[in-house]
Amino acid sequence: MLILTRKPGQVLKIAPLESVNPATPIGELFRDGPIEIVVTKIQGTQVRLGINAHASFLVLRDELTDPRAELVTIRRRSVMSK
């Protein structure tokens, strides 16, 4: 499970990895079940979210994107390996 803290107005994006073939049946992407987002903590104006998704999805914090550079992504697997 990936854990992220968000404040009002901050964005979180979930999308298939670029390596996923667009012809992949939707059922294959969700073979392990739906994307699950769990509120794990609320403190003041912050909410902590836990995200479970198939490894073919990426979870992207909007503030890590730079339109002039390659997207910096956070993948569920990289967090789970720590």
C-alpha atoms as a PDB file:
ATOM      1  CA  MET A   1       0.000   0.000   0.000  1.00  0.00           C
ATOM      2  CA  LEU A   2       1.301   3.427  -0.962  1.00  0.00           C
ATOM      3  CA  ILE A   3       0.654   6.091   1.703  1.00  0.00           C
ATOM      4  CA  LEU A   4       0.439   9.757   0.682  1.00  0.00           C
ATOM      5  CA  THR A   5      -0.602  12.869   2.556  1.00  0.00           C
ATOM      6  CA  ARG A   6      -2.633  15.456   0.687  1.00  0.00           C
ATOM      7  CA  LYS A   7      -3.675  18.986   1.589  1.00  0.00           C
ATOM      8  CA  PRO A   8      -6.645  20.903   0.157  1.00  0.00           C
ATOM      9  CA  GLY A   9      -6.140  21.552  -3.544  1.00  0.00           C
ATOM     10  CA  GLN A  10      -3.332  19.018  -4.007  1.00  0.00           C
ATOM     11  CA  VAL A  11      -3.809  16.510  -6.803  1.00  0.00           C
ATOM     12  CA  LEU A  12      -3.193  12.779  -7.039  1.00  0.00           C
ATOM     13  CA  LYS A  13      -3.343  11.049 -10.430  1.00  0.00           C
ATOM     14  CA  ILE A  14      -3.743   7.334 -11.120  1.00  0.00           C
ATOM     15  CA  ALA A  15      -3.117   6.070 -14.646  1.00  0.00           C
ATOM     16  CA  PRO A  16      -1.862   2.980 -16.460  1.00  0.00           C
ATOM     17  CA  LEU A  17       1.901   2.826 -16.960  1.00  0.00           C
ATOM     18  CA  GLU A  18       3.066   3.947 -20.386  1.00  0.00           C
ATOM     19  CA  SER A  19       4.282   0.400 -21.008  1.00  0.00           C
ATOM     20  CA  VAL A  20       0.718  -0.971 -20.784  1.00  0.00           C
ATOM     21  CA  ASN A  21      -0.637  -1.783 -24.226  1.00  0.00           C
ATOM     22  CA  PRO A  22      -3.758   0.346 -24.872  1.00  0.00           C
ATOM     23  CA  ALA A  23      -5.427  -2.789 -26.271  1.00  0.00           C
ATOM     24  CA  THR A  24      -5.145  -4.518 -22.865  1.00  0.00           C
ATOM     25  CA  PRO A  25      -8.646  -5.558 -21.781  1.00  0.00           C
ATOM     26  CA  ILE A  26      -9.908  -3.570 -18.794  1.00  0.00           C
ATOM     27  CA  GLY A  27     -10.544  -6.833 -16.978  1.00  0.00           C
ATOM     28  CA  GLU A  28      -6.831  -7.614 -17.123  1.00  0.00           C
ATOM     29  CA  LEU A  29      -5.915  -4.281 -15.512  1.00  0.00           C
ATOM     30  CA  PHE A  30      -8.342  -4.981 -12.673  1.00  0.00           C
ATOM     31  CA  ARG A  31      -7.730  -8.739 -12.349  1.00  0.00           C
ATOM     32  CA  ASP A  32      -6.612  -8.274  -8.726  1.00  0.00           C
ATOM     33  CA  GLY A  33      -9.645  -6.114  -7.937  1.00  0.00           C
ATOM     34  CA  PRO A  34     -10.433  -2.419  -8.115  1.00  0.00           C
ATOM     35  CA  ILE A  35      -8.119   0.416  -7.151  1.00  0.00           C
ATOM     36  CA  GLU A  36      -8.643   0.924  -3.442  1.00  0.00           C
ATOM     37  CA  ILE A  37      -8.184   4.302  -1.732  1.00  0.00           C
ATOM     38  CA  VAL A  38      -8.398   4.294   2.056  1.00  0.00           C
ATOM     39  CA  VAL A  39      -8.394   7.340   4.318  1.00  0.00           C
ATOM     40  CA  THR A  40      -5.906   6.324   7.007  1.00  0.00           C
ATOM     41  CA  LYS A  41      -5.725   9.577   8.958  1.00  0.00           C
ATOM     42  CA  ILE A  42      -7.185  13.084   9.018  1.00  0.00           C
ATOM     43  CA  GLN A  43      -5.296  15.789  10.866  1.00  0.00           C
ATOM     44  CA  GLY A  44      -6.305  19.415  10.500  1.00  0.00           C
ATOM     45  CA  THR A  45      -6.287  20.210   6.788  1.00  0.00           C
ATOM     46  CA  GLN A  46      -4.341  17.100   5.822  1.00  0.00           C
ATOM     47  CA  VAL A  47      -5.651  13.703   4.848  1.00  0.00           C
ATOM     48  CA  ARG A  48      -3.470  10.605   4.645  1.00  0.00           C
ATOM     49  CA  LEU A  49      -4.478   8.179   1.911  1.00  0.00           C
ATOM     50  CA  GLY A  50      -3.532   4.557   1.399  1.00  0.00           C
ATOM     51  CA  ILE A  51      -3.654   3.424  -2.227  1.00  0.00           C
ATOM     52  CA  ASN A  52      -3.759  -0.200  -3.417  1.00  0.00           C
ATOM     53  CA  ALA A  53      -3.590  -0.718  -7.170  1.00  0.00           C
ATOM     54  CA  HIS A  54      -2.335  -3.329  -9.604  1.00  0.00           C
ATOM     55  CA  ALA A  55       1.353  -2.874 -10.466  1.00  0.00           C
ATOM     56  CA  SER A  56       0.418  -1.793 -14.012  1.00  0.00           C
ATOM     57  CA  PHE A  57      -0.858   1.508 -12.592  1.00  0.00           C
ATOM     58  CA  LEU A  58       1.191   4.444 -11.467  1.00  0.00           C
ATOM     59  CA  VAL A  59       0.270   6.856  -8.716  1.00  0.00           C
ATOM     60  CA  LEU A  60       1.473  10.351  -9.464  1.00  0.00           C
ATOM     61  CA  ARG A  61       1.650  13.333  -7.144  1.00  0.00           C
ATOM     62  CA  ASP A  62       0.942  16.346  -9.335  1.00  0.00           C
ATOM     63  CA  GLU A  63       3.657  18.482  -7.737  1.00  0.00           C
ATOM     64  CA  LEU A  64       6.298  16.044  -8.976  1.00  0.00           C
ATOM     65  CA  THR A  65       5.502  16.682 -12.608  1.00  0.00           C
ATOM     66  CA  ASP A  66       7.442  19.128 -14.722  1.00  0.00           C
ATOM     67  CA  PRO A  67       6.040  19.711 -18.207  1.00  0.00           C
ATOM     68  CA  ARG A  68       9.599  20.267 -19.502  1.00  0.00           C
ATOM     69  CA  ALA A  69      10.904  16.979 -18.103  1.00  0.00           C
ATOM     70  CA  GLU A  70       9.932  13.338 -17.912  1.00  0.00           C
ATOM     71  CA  LEU A  71       7.259  12.623 -15.306  1.00  0.00           C
ATOM     72  CA  VAL A  72       8.535  11.495 -11.946  1.00  0.00           C
ATOM     73  CA  THR A  73       6.373   8.633 -10.806  1.00  0.00           C
ATOM     74  CA  ILE A  74       5.821   6.772  -7.623  1.00  0.00           C
ATOM     75  CA  ARG A  75       4.956   3.158  -8.142  1.00  0.00           C
ATOM     76  CA  ARG A  76       3.305   0.977  -5.615  1.00  0.00           C
ATOM     77  CA  ARG A  77       6.074  -1.614  -5.882  1.00  0.00           C
ATOM     78  CA  SER A  78       8.889   0.834  -5.091  1.00  0.00           C
ATOM     79  CA  VAL A  79       7.206   1.853  -1.855  1.00  0.00           C
ATOM     80  CA  MET A  80       6.370  -1.723  -0.874  1.00  0.00           C
ATOM     81  CA  SER A  81       9.989  -2.804  -1.269  1.00  0.00           C
ATOM     82  CA  LYS A  82      11.195  -0.388   1.430  1.00  0.00           C
END
